[in-house]
C-alpha atoms as a PDB file:
ATOM      1  CA  UNK A   1      93.468 102.921   4.895  1.00  0.00           C
ATOM      2  CA  UNK A   2      90.875 103.452   7.617  1.00  0.00           C
ATOM      3  CA  UNK A   3      91.273 107.233   7.362  1.00  0.00           C
ATOM      4  CA  UNK A   4      90.773 107.076   3.600  1.00  0.00           C
ATOM      5  CA  UNK A   5      87.729 104.806   3.989  1.00  0.00           C
ATOM      6  CA  UNK A   6      86.264 107.184   6.538  1.00  0.00           C
ATOM      7  CA  UNK A   7      86.872 110.128   4.204  1.00  0.00           C
ATOM      8  CA  UNK A   8      85.123 108.289   1.392  1.00  0.00           C
ATOM      9  CA  UNK A   9      82.172 107.428   3.631  1.00  0.00           C
ATOM     10  CA  UNK A  10      81.908 111.040   4.736  1.00  0.00           C
ATOM     11  CA  UNK A  11      82.197 112.177   1.122  1.00  0.00           C
ATOM     12  CA  UNK A  12      79.311 110.009   0.017  1.00  0.00           C
ATOM     13  CA  UNK A  13      77.147 111.193   2.884  1.00  0.00           C
ATOM     14  CA  UNK A  14      77.808 114.849   2.123  1.00  0.00           C
ATOM     15  CA  UNK A  15      77.721 114.707  -1.656  1.00  0.00           C
ATOM     16  CA  UNK A  16      80.987 114.753  -3.550  1.00  0.00           C
ATOM     17  CA  UNK A  17      82.786 116.316  -6.450  1.00  0.00           C
ATOM     18  CA  UNK A  18      84.428 113.715  -8.658  1.00  0.00           C
ATOM     19  CA  UNK A  19      88.010 114.402  -9.789  1.00  0.00           C
ATOM     20  CA  UNK A  20      89.173 111.570 -12.058  1.00  0.00           C
ATOM     21  CA  UNK A  21      88.921 108.414  -9.999  1.00  0.00           C
ATOM     22  CA  UNK A  22      89.117 110.250  -6.678  1.00  0.00           C
ATOM     23  CA  UNK A  23      86.049 111.001  -4.601  1.00  0.00           C
ATOM     24  CA  UNK A  24      86.470 114.285  -2.788  1.00  0.00           C
ATOM     25  CA  UNK A  25      84.489 116.071  -0.165  1.00  0.00           C
ATOM     26  CA  UNK A  26      83.800 119.502  -1.586  1.00  0.00           C
ATOM     27  CA  UNK A  27      85.384 121.439   1.263  1.00  0.00           C
ATOM     28  CA  UNK A  28      84.308 124.715  -0.299  1.00  0.00           C
ATOM     29  CA  UNK A  29      80.709 123.643   0.367  1.00  0.00           C
ATOM     30  CA  UNK A  30      81.251 121.498   3.481  1.00  0.00           C
ATOM     31  CA  UNK A  31      83.796 123.423   5.538  1.00  0.00           C
ATOM     32  CA  UNK A  32      82.806 121.617   8.741  1.00  0.00           C
ATOM     33  CA  UNK A  33      84.150 118.413   7.206  1.00  0.00           C
ATOM     34  CA  UNK A  34      87.638 119.871   7.690  1.00  0.00           C
ATOM     35  CA  UNK A  35      87.378 118.798  11.318  1.00  0.00           C
ATOM     36  CA  UNK A  36      87.900 115.190  10.241  1.00  0.00           C
ATOM     37  CA  UNK A  37      91.283 116.105   8.722  1.00  0.00           C
ATOM     38  CA  UNK A  38      92.627 118.425  11.406  1.00  0.00           C
ATOM     39  CA  UNK A  39      94.141 115.663  13.607  1.00  0.00           C
ATOM     40  CA  UNK A  40      95.980 114.246  10.577  1.00  0.00           C
ATOM     41  CA  UNK A  41      97.142 117.707   9.507  1.00  0.00           C
ATOM     42  CA  UNK A  42      98.501 118.483  12.973  1.00  0.00           C
ATOM     43  CA  UNK A  43     100.610 115.324  12.801  1.00  0.00           C
ATOM     44  CA  UNK A  44     101.683 116.002   9.194  1.00  0.00           C
ATOM     45  CA  UNK A  45     100.105 112.794   7.895  1.00  0.00           C
ATOM     46  CA  UNK A  46      97.628 113.938   5.260  1.00  0.00           C
ATOM     47  CA  UNK A  47      98.017 111.761   2.166  1.00  0.00           C
ATOM     48  CA  UNK A  48      98.248 112.976  -1.431  1.00  0.00           C
ATOM     49  CA  UNK A  49      94.554 112.331  -2.082  1.00  0.00           C
ATOM     50  CA  UNK A  50      93.471 114.377   0.924  1.00  0.00           C
ATOM     51  CA  UNK A  51      95.815 117.208  -0.027  1.00  0.00           C
ATOM     52  CA  UNK A  52      94.501 117.204  -3.596  1.00  0.00           C
ATOM     53  CA  UNK A  53      90.920 117.389  -2.325  1.00  0.00           C
ATOM     54  CA  UNK A  54      91.818 120.267  -0.040  1.00  0.00           C
ATOM     55  CA  UNK A  55      93.488 122.107  -2.903  1.00  0.00           C
ATOM     56  CA  UNK A  56      90.341 121.641  -4.996  1.00  0.00           C
ATOM     57  CA  UNK A  57      88.282 123.039  -2.137  1.00  0.00           C
ATOM     58  CA  UNK A  58      90.638 125.995  -1.774  1.00  0.00           C
ATOM     59  CA  UNK A  59      90.290 126.858  -5.455  1.00  0.00           C
ATOM     60  CA  UNK A  60      86.495 126.539  -5.347  1.00  0.00           C
ATOM     61  CA  UNK A  61      85.903 128.413  -2.094  1.00  0.00           C
ATOM     62  CA  UNK A  62      83.731 131.460  -2.614  1.00  0.00           C
ATOM     63  CA  UNK A  63      84.648 133.387   0.543  1.00  0.00           C
ATOM     64  CA  UNK A  64      87.965 134.415   2.080  1.00  0.00           C
ATOM     65  CA  UNK A  65      86.843 132.871   5.357  1.00  0.00           C
ATOM     66  CA  UNK A  66      86.325 129.429   3.836  1.00  0.00           C
ATOM     67  CA  UNK A  67      89.493 129.727   1.764  1.00  0.00           C
ATOM     68  CA  UNK A  68      91.373 130.598   4.928  1.00  0.00           C
ATOM     69  CA  UNK A  69      90.072 127.582   6.853  1.00  0.00           C
ATOM     70  CA  UNK A  70      91.168 125.212   4.106  1.00  0.00           C
ATOM     71  CA  UNK A  71      94.515 126.964   3.769  1.00  0.00           C
ATOM     72  CA  UNK A  72      95.178 126.577   7.492  1.00  0.00           C
ATOM     73  CA  UNK A  73      94.726 122.806   7.325  1.00  0.00           C
ATOM     74  CA  UNK A  74      97.182 122.603   4.434  1.00  0.00           C
ATOM     75  CA  UNK A  75      99.700 124.822   6.224  1.00  0.00           C
ATOM     76  CA  UNK A  76      99.433 122.831   9.460  1.00  0.00           C
ATOM     77  CA  UNK A  77     100.181 119.601   7.623  1.00  0.00           C
ATOM     78  CA  UNK A  78     103.171 121.034   5.749  1.00  0.00           C
ATOM     79  CA  UNK A  79     104.586 122.683   8.886  1.00  0.00           C
ATOM     80  CA  UNK A  80     105.239 119.232  10.330  1.00  0.00           C
ATOM     81  CA  UNK A  81     106.392 117.442   7.203  1.00  0.00           C
ATOM     82  CA  UNK A  82     107.844 119.885   4.645  1.00  0.00           C
ATOM     83  CA  UNK A  83     109.195 123.321   5.585  1.00  0.00           C
ATOM     84  CA  UNK A  84     109.670 124.421   1.975  1.00  0.00           C
ATOM     85  CA  UNK A  85     106.091 123.532   1.091  1.00  0.00           C
ATOM     86  CA  UNK A  86     104.898 125.197   4.282  1.00  0.00           C
ATOM     87  CA  UNK A  87     106.629 128.430   3.263  1.00  0.00           C
ATOM     88  CA  UNK A  88     104.996 128.287  -0.178  1.00  0.00           C
ATOM     89  CA  UNK A  89     101.565 127.758   1.351  1.00  0.00           C
ATOM     90  CA  UNK A  90     102.108 130.559   3.861  1.00  0.00           C
ATOM     91  CA  UNK A  91     103.127 132.969   1.117  1.00  0.00           C
ATOM     92  CA  UNK A  92      99.996 132.032  -0.826  1.00  0.00           C
ATOM     93  CA  UNK A  93      97.876 132.514   2.285  1.00  0.00           C
ATOM     94  CA  UNK A  94      99.392 135.937   2.884  1.00  0.00           C
ATOM     95  CA  UNK A  95      98.995 136.960  -0.756  1.00  0.00           C
ATOM     96  CA  UNK A  96      95.514 135.582  -1.385  1.00  0.00           C
ATOM     97  CA  UNK A  97      93.701 135.236   1.939  1.00  0.00           C
ATOM     98  CA  UNK A  98      94.801 137.587   4.732  1.00  0.00           C
ATOM     99  CA  UNK A  99      97.790 139.018   6.589  1.00  0.00           C
ATOM    100  CA  UNK A 100      96.134 139.790   9.902  1.00  0.00           C
ATOM    101  CA  UNK A 101      96.978 136.633  11.877  1.00  0.00           C
ATOM    102  CA  UNK A 102     100.056 137.382  14.028  1.00  0.00           C
ATOM    103  CA  UNK A 103     100.720 133.665  14.614  1.00  0.00           C
ATOM    104  CA  UNK A 104     101.280 133.145  10.886  1.00  0.00           C
ATOM    105  CA  UNK A 105     103.323 136.293  10.264  1.00  0.00           C
ATOM    106  CA  UNK A 106     105.372 135.627  13.431  1.00  0.00           C
ATOM    107  CA  UNK A 107     106.390 132.176  12.214  1.00  0.00           C
ATOM    108  CA  UNK A 108     107.000 133.402   8.671  1.00  0.00           C
ATOM    109  CA  UNK A 109     109.225 136.279   9.782  1.00  0.00           C
ATOM    110  CA  UNK A 110     111.354 133.799  11.742  1.00  0.00           C
ATOM    111  CA  UNK A 111     111.530 131.492   8.727  1.00  0.00           C
ATOM    112  CA  UNK A 112     112.650 134.291   6.387  1.00  0.00           C
ATOM    113  CA  UNK A 113     115.431 135.341   8.763  1.00  0.00           C
ATOM    114  CA  UNK A 114     116.753 131.833   9.441  1.00  0.00           C
ATOM    115  CA  UNK A 115     116.566 130.232   6.002  1.00  0.00           C
ATOM    116  CA  UNK A 116     119.756 129.501   4.056  1.00  0.00           C
ATOM    117  CA  UNK A 117     119.328 132.627   1.927  1.00  0.00           C
ATOM    118  CA  UNK A 118     117.817 135.100   4.423  1.00  0.00           C
ATOM    119  CA  UNK A 119     115.259 137.660   3.313  1.00  0.00           C
ATOM    120  CA  UNK A 120     115.870 140.506   5.741  1.00  0.00           C
ATOM    121  CA  UNK A 121     113.454 142.928   4.104  1.00  0.00           C
ATOM    122  CA  UNK A 122     110.718 140.300   4.222  1.00  0.00           C
ATOM    123  CA  UNK A 123     111.630 139.554   7.842  1.00  0.00           C
ATOM    124  CA  UNK A 124     111.070 143.189   8.790  1.00  0.00           C
ATOM    125  CA  UNK A 125     107.818 143.385   6.855  1.00  0.00           C
ATOM    126  CA  UNK A 126     106.212 140.369   8.478  1.00  0.00           C
ATOM    127  CA  UNK A 127     107.663 141.031  11.923  1.00  0.00           C
ATOM    128  CA  UNK A 128     106.029 144.464  11.727  1.00  0.00           C
ATOM    129  CA  UNK A 129     102.702 142.910  10.710  1.00  0.00           C
ATOM    130  CA  UNK A 130     102.826 140.438  13.603  1.00  0.00           C
ATOM    131  CA  UNK A 131     103.780 143.189  16.041  1.00  0.00           C
ATOM    132  CA  UNK A 132     100.931 145.436  14.905  1.00  0.00           C
ATOM    133  CA  UNK A 133      98.298 142.711  15.354  1.00  0.00           C
ATOM    134  CA  UNK A 134      99.755 140.903  18.375  1.00  0.00           C
ATOM    135  CA  UNK A 135      97.153 142.222  20.812  1.00  0.00           C
ATOM    136  CA  UNK A 136      94.420 140.537  18.753  1.00  0.00           C
ATOM    137  CA  UNK A 137      95.649 137.042  19.658  1.00  0.00           C
ATOM    138  CA  UNK A 138      98.284 137.114  22.411  1.00  0.00           C
ATOM    139  CA  UNK A 139      98.110 137.937  26.095  1.00  0.00           C
ATOM    140  CA  UNK A 140     100.082 137.430  29.269  1.00  0.00           C
ATOM    141  CA  UNK A 141     103.479 135.771  28.968  1.00  0.00           C
ATOM    142  CA  UNK A 142     102.850 134.881  25.314  1.00  0.00           C
ATOM    143  CA  UNK A 143     102.345 138.562  24.492  1.00  0.00           C
ATOM    144  CA  UNK A 144     105.525 139.601  26.320  1.00  0.00           C
ATOM    145  CA  UNK A 145     107.791 136.821  25.078  1.00  0.00           C
ATOM    146  CA  UNK A 146     106.707 137.028  21.450  1.00  0.00           C
ATOM    147  CA  UNK A 147     106.871 140.820  21.453  1.00  0.00           C
ATOM    148  CA  UNK A 148     110.482 140.518  22.664  1.00  0.00           C
ATOM    149  CA  UNK A 149     111.286 137.986  19.943  1.00  0.00           C
ATOM    150  CA  UNK A 150     109.737 140.146  17.218  1.00  0.00           C
ATOM    151  CA  UNK A 151     111.626 143.260  18.313  1.00  0.00           C
ATOM    152  CA  UNK A 152     114.873 141.297  18.474  1.00  0.00           C
ATOM    153  CA  UNK A 153     114.255 139.725  15.077  1.00  0.00           C
ATOM    154  CA  UNK A 154     113.452 143.059  13.454  1.00  0.00           C
ATOM    155  CA  UNK A 155     116.531 144.668  14.996  1.00  0.00           C
ATOM    156  CA  UNK A 156     118.945 142.001  13.767  1.00  0.00           C
ATOM    157  CA  UNK A 157     117.352 142.057  10.310  1.00  0.00           C
ATOM    158  CA  UNK A 158     117.723 145.847  10.188  1.00  0.00           C
ATOM    159  CA  UNK A 159     121.353 145.583  11.285  1.00  0.00           C
ATOM    160  CA  UNK A 160     122.036 143.049   8.524  1.00  0.00           C
ATOM    161  CA  UNK A 161     120.447 145.391   5.991  1.00  0.00           C
ATOM    162  CA  UNK A 162     122.618 148.242   7.259  1.00  0.00           C
ATOM    163  CA  UNK A 163     125.756 146.079   7.010  1.00  0.00           C
ATOM    164  CA  UNK A 164     124.883 145.245   3.418  1.00  0.00           C
ATOM    165  CA  UNK A 165     124.312 148.929   2.754  1.00  0.00           C
ATOM    166  CA  UNK A 166     127.756 149.761   4.116  1.00  0.00           C
ATOM    167  CA  UNK A 167     129.350 147.248   1.747  1.00  0.00           C
ATOM    168  CA  UNK A 168     127.530 148.816  -1.182  1.00  0.00           C
ATOM    169  CA  UNK A 169     128.584 152.284  -0.040  1.00  0.00           C
ATOM    170  CA  UNK A 170     132.235 151.259  -0.283  1.00  0.00           C
ATOM    171  CA  UNK A 171     131.763 150.918  -4.044  1.00  0.00           C
ATOM    172  CA  UNK A 172     131.324 154.656  -4.313  1.00  0.00           C
ATOM    173  CA  UNK A 173     128.074 154.274  -6.241  1.00  0.00           C
ATOM    174  CA  UNK A 174     125.990 157.443  -6.306  1.00  0.00           C
ATOM    175  CA  UNK A 175     123.483 157.536  -3.462  1.00  0.00           C
ATOM    176  CA  UNK A 176     124.870 154.431  -1.771  1.00  0.00           C
ATOM    177  CA  UNK A 177     126.314 156.346   1.189  1.00  0.00           C
ATOM    178  CA  UNK A 178     123.019 158.152   1.814  1.00  0.00           C
ATOM    179  CA  UNK A 179     121.164 154.837   1.636  1.00  0.00           C
ATOM    180  CA  UNK A 180     123.553 153.260   4.124  1.00  0.00           C
ATOM    181  CA  UNK A 181     123.035 156.125   6.558  1.00  0.00           C
ATOM    182  CA  UNK A 182     119.267 155.747   6.244  1.00  0.00           C
ATOM    183  CA  UNK A 183     119.571 152.018   6.932  1.00  0.00           C
ATOM    184  CA  UNK A 184     121.694 152.766   9.995  1.00  0.00           C
ATOM    185  CA  UNK A 185     119.024 155.140  11.293  1.00  0.00           C
ATOM    186  CA  UNK A 186     116.356 152.482  10.784  1.00  0.00           C
ATOM    187  CA  UNK A 187     118.510 149.889  12.541  1.00  0.00           C
ATOM    188  CA  UNK A 188     119.055 152.232  15.482  1.00  0.00           C
ATOM    189  CA  UNK A 189     115.335 152.983  15.780  1.00  0.00           C
ATOM    190  CA  UNK A 190     114.537 149.264  15.805  1.00  0.00           C
ATOM    191  CA  UNK A 191     117.261 148.546  18.374  1.00  0.00           C
ATOM    192  CA  UNK A 192     116.154 151.398  20.628  1.00  0.00           C
ATOM    193  CA  UNK A 193     112.555 150.161  20.552  1.00  0.00           C
ATOM    194  CA  UNK A 194     113.744 146.645  21.465  1.00  0.00           C
ATOM    195  CA  UNK A 195     115.884 148.034  24.282  1.00  0.00           C
ATOM    196  CA  UNK A 196     113.092 150.180  25.689  1.00  0.00           C
ATOM    197  CA  UNK A 197     110.730 147.198  25.675  1.00  0.00           C
ATOM    198  CA  UNK A 198     113.196 144.814  27.313  1.00  0.00           C
ATOM    199  CA  UNK A 199     114.185 147.288  30.028  1.00  0.00           C
ATOM    200  CA  UNK A 200     110.646 147.228  31.420  1.00  0.00           C
ATOM    201  CA  UNK A 201     109.784 143.593  30.710  1.00  0.00           C
ATOM    202  CA  UNK A 202     112.932 141.486  31.242  1.00  0.00           C
ATOM    203  CA  UNK A 203     115.598 141.028  33.910  1.00  0.00           C
ATOM    204  CA  UNK A 204     118.388 140.641  31.332  1.00  0.00           C
ATOM    205  CA  UNK A 205     118.292 143.311  28.639  1.00  0.00           C
ATOM    206  CA  UNK A 206     122.016 143.225  27.831  1.00  0.00           C
ATOM    207  CA  UNK A 207     121.616 141.834  24.266  1.00  0.00           C
ATOM    208  CA  UNK A 208     119.202 144.634  23.402  1.00  0.00           C
ATOM    209  CA  UNK A 209     121.543 147.241  24.856  1.00  0.00           C
ATOM    210  CA  UNK A 210     124.535 145.913  22.941  1.00  0.00           C
ATOM    211  CA  UNK A 211     122.537 145.849  19.705  1.00  0.00           C
ATOM    212  CA  UNK A 212     121.505 149.445  20.278  1.00  0.00           C
ATOM    213  CA  UNK A 213     125.076 150.585  20.975  1.00  0.00           C
ATOM    214  CA  UNK A 214     126.245 148.855  17.790  1.00  0.00           C
ATOM    215  CA  UNK A 215     124.022 151.252  15.834  1.00  0.00           C
ATOM    216  CA  UNK A 216     124.916 154.386  17.802  1.00  0.00           C
ATOM    217  CA  UNK A 217     126.345 155.004  21.262  1.00  0.00           C
ATOM    218  CA  UNK A 218     125.388 154.762  24.920  1.00  0.00           C
ATOM    219  CA  UNK A 219     123.980 158.259  25.042  1.00  0.00           C
ATOM    220  CA  UNK A 220     121.795 157.700  21.970  1.00  0.00           C
ATOM    221  CA  UNK A 221     120.467 154.546  23.621  1.00  0.00           C
ATOM    222  CA  UNK A 222     119.642 156.334  26.881  1.00  0.00           C
ATOM    223  CA  UNK A 223     122.230 154.393  28.887  1.00  0.00           C
ATOM    224  CA  UNK A 224     124.061 155.764  31.884  1.00  0.00           C
ATOM    225  CA  UNK A 225     127.217 154.733  33.773  1.00  0.00           C
ATOM    226  CA  UNK A 226     126.805 151.315  35.362  1.00  0.00           C
ATOM    227  CA  UNK A 227     124.153 150.181  32.936  1.00  0.00           C
ATOM    228  CA  UNK A 228     125.846 146.807  32.362  1.00  0.00           C
ATOM    229  CA  UNK A 229     125.277 145.771  35.961  1.00  0.00           C
ATOM    230  CA  UNK A 230     121.705 146.984  35.773  1.00  0.00           C
ATOM    231  CA  UNK A 231     121.207 145.087  32.496  1.00  0.00           C
ATOM    232  CA  UNK A 232     121.874 141.763  34.197  1.00  0.00           C
ATOM    233  CA  UNK A 233     125.295 140.933  32.793  1.00  0.00           C
END
């Protein structure tokens, strides 16, 4: 109740847009007012009225920057309280606002891989986007650890796509065998990139090596006799 009263007081002081019986801050005009909602969003406790006002502001925003700021508050709130709604808001953000934030595409790639009905193609797409832009936002241990996770995620998604391609190839459908071979090549390239990264950045690179071998052989992965001991097994 106090949060709602404060919102109403702030709305009246800023000038409001009236939607039915609800007084809303026009966040498309008063973007700084989002700061009053950020603590609630980070704890997933925005109420329906606040969410409705934010949605109105999102629709009315005239610039991608302002639309993005409002979208981020909505996504932060849903991330805590409703994963399905969070995924919907993220997809909207990526479709309508921007795709350059590696934090968002990193989380979304993980979501697409781990959901009940995985989207492996989408996983690869957004893992690639996060990887391409990672230097814009990450440094130090965060850069190294998240780069490792993205390369691992992309590799396993590629392997799953290859496995599906092999099943389709067994049907004898025209072109299916060629497609499966292409998917295997893509899986191997992803696994080799993961392996090469982990060999210089991690003490234990055994999982990356095993993934690479599963798509080819030791020679194709640049591995020599005794590599298992070196890998940290």
